[in-house]
Amino acid sequence: MTPARLALVDDDQQFVEYLETLLRSRGYEVQSFTSGADLLQSLHGEAPPDVVLLDVSMPGMDGMETLKAIRVAHPHVQVIMLSSALVSVVGPDPDFLGSRVGVEGCKYRGRGADLIHQSH
């Protein structure tokens, strides 16, 4: 069985290294990017990943802008949006964020400070 191909997009290099190591140890193929623009550039010449793990808050092109561009170019790619600071960015209502780009699911993690949004 071919391992799932994941793209990890986050500007926090320590987090990227940690998560990349963890995911590879579980058998996933992982390609990392430090910006949404870098991910989008890579999608021009190759097949898209099976899943994109995408940070919401990044300098330059943020996760929401990146998600919108992914939806246009590759509407069937699964995207999981990650952020430890999401509650402070958009408030306690996770549907506010998702309603703008078609997020279909939201999970609280930990003590409710972390959200994961999964978009289909």
Protein backbone atom coordinates (compact mmCIF):
# COMPACT_ATOMS: atom_id res chain seq x y z
CA MET A 1 0.00 0.00 0.00
CA THR A 2 1.31 3.44 -0.94
CA PRO A 3 1.70 5.80 2.03
CA ALA A 4 -0.45 8.91 2.10
CA ARG A 5 1.33 12.01 0.85
CA LEU A 6 1.06 14.96 3.22
CA ALA A 7 2.05 18.59 2.84
CA LEU A 8 2.82 20.41 6.08
CA VAL A 9 2.66 24.22 5.94
CA ASP A 10 3.71 26.20 9.01
CA ASP A 11 6.07 29.10 9.69
CA ASP A 12 7.19 27.60 13.05
CA GLN A 13 10.27 25.59 12.06
CA GLN A 14 10.47 23.68 15.38
CA PHE A 15 6.87 22.56 15.05
CA VAL A 16 7.44 21.55 11.42
CA GLU A 17 10.47 19.45 12.35
CA TYR A 18 8.62 17.77 15.22
CA LEU A 19 5.47 16.98 13.26
CA GLU A 20 7.40 15.90 10.17
CA THR A 21 9.44 13.44 12.27
CA LEU A 22 6.31 12.10 13.97
CA LEU A 23 4.38 11.65 10.72
CA ARG A 24 7.30 9.98 8.92
CA SER A 25 7.70 7.58 11.85
CA ARG A 26 4.07 6.59 11.24
CA GLY A 27 4.77 5.84 7.58
CA TYR A 28 3.53 9.01 5.91
CA GLU A 29 5.35 10.76 3.08
CA VAL A 30 5.77 14.38 4.19
CA GLN A 31 6.83 17.48 2.29
CA SER A 32 7.22 20.64 4.40
CA PHE A 33 6.76 24.29 3.49
CA THR A 34 7.28 27.43 5.56
CA SER A 35 4.69 29.50 3.68
CA GLY A 36 1.46 29.14 1.76
CA ALA A 37 3.10 30.69 -1.29
CA ASP A 38 5.80 27.97 -1.29
CA LEU A 39 3.13 25.25 -1.17
CA LEU A 40 1.13 26.79 -4.00
CA GLN A 41 4.23 27.15 -6.15
CA SER A 42 5.02 23.45 -5.68
CA LEU A 43 1.49 22.48 -6.73
CA HIS A 44 2.00 23.92 -10.23
CA GLY A 45 4.42 21.23 -11.32
CA GLU A 46 3.39 18.12 -9.42
CA ALA A 47 0.38 16.15 -8.30
CA PRO A 48 -1.20 17.58 -5.14
CA PRO A 49 -0.73 15.81 -1.82
CA ASP A 50 -3.50 13.66 -0.38
CA VAL A 51 -3.80 15.95 2.65
CA VAL A 52 -2.51 19.43 3.50
CA LEU A 53 -1.86 20.30 7.15
CA LEU A 54 -2.10 24.09 7.10
CA ASP A 55 -1.35 26.66 9.78
CA VAL A 56 -4.02 29.35 10.03
CA SER A 57 -1.79 32.21 11.15
CA MET A 58 1.37 32.81 9.09
CA PRO A 59 3.09 35.99 7.92
CA GLY A 60 2.50 36.99 4.32
CA MET A 61 -0.07 34.67 2.77
CA ASP A 62 -1.99 33.31 5.76
CA GLY A 63 -3.74 29.97 6.00
CA MET A 64 -7.13 31.28 4.91
CA GLU A 65 -5.73 32.83 1.72
CA THR A 66 -3.78 29.63 1.04
CA LEU A 67 -6.89 27.52 1.59
CA LYS A 68 -8.88 29.62 -0.88
CA ALA A 69 -6.16 29.18 -3.52
CA ILE A 70 -6.00 25.41 -2.90
CA ARG A 71 -9.79 25.20 -3.29
CA VAL A 72 -9.59 26.90 -6.70
CA ALA A 73 -6.68 24.85 -8.07
CA HIS A 74 -7.34 21.49 -6.38
CA PRO A 75 -10.88 21.39 -4.92
CA HIS A 76 -10.69 17.72 -3.89
CA VAL A 77 -7.55 17.98 -1.76
CA GLN A 78 -8.27 17.41 1.93
CA VAL A 79 -7.09 20.27 4.16
CA ILE A 80 -6.71 20.23 7.92
CA MET A 81 -6.17 23.66 9.42
CA LEU A 82 -4.12 23.90 12.58
CA SER A 83 -3.56 26.66 15.08
CA SER A 84 -2.82 26.94 18.75
CA ALA A 85 -3.92 30.58 18.71
CA LEU A 86 -7.14 30.29 16.72
CA VAL A 87 -9.50 31.13 19.56
CA SER A 88 -7.76 34.45 20.13
CA VAL A 89 -7.79 35.20 16.40
CA VAL A 90 -11.46 34.57 15.60
CA GLY A 91 -13.16 34.38 18.96
CA PRO A 92 -14.97 31.47 20.55
CA ASP A 93 -17.21 30.72 17.53
CA PRO A 94 -15.33 28.31 15.21
CA ASP A 95 -18.10 28.51 12.61
CA PHE A 96 -17.05 32.10 11.89
CA LEU A 97 -13.83 30.89 10.31
CA GLY A 98 -15.29 27.92 8.49
CA SER A 99 -18.24 29.68 6.95
CA ARG A 100 -15.90 31.82 4.83
CA VAL A 101 -14.34 28.92 2.90
CA GLY A 102 -16.56 25.89 3.30
CA VAL A 103 -15.06 24.22 6.35
CA GLU A 104 -17.28 21.27 7.16
CA GLY A 105 -15.99 20.14 10.52
CA CYS A 106 -14.46 21.56 13.64
CA LYS A 107 -12.91 19.81 16.63
CA TYR A 108 -11.74 21.28 19.88
CA ARG A 109 -8.54 19.74 21.16
CA GLY A 110 -6.85 19.89 24.51
CA ARG A 111 -8.50 22.41 26.79
CA GLY A 112 -10.44 24.09 24.01
CA ALA A 113 -7.63 26.48 23.05
CA ASP A 114 -6.64 24.48 19.98
CA LEU A 115 -8.96 23.95 17.04
CA ILE A 116 -8.63 21.72 14.08
CA HIS A 117 -10.72 22.58 11.07
CA GLN A 118 -11.08 19.95 8.40
CA SER A 119 -12.22 21.06 5.01
CA HIS A 120 -13.55 18.77 2.29
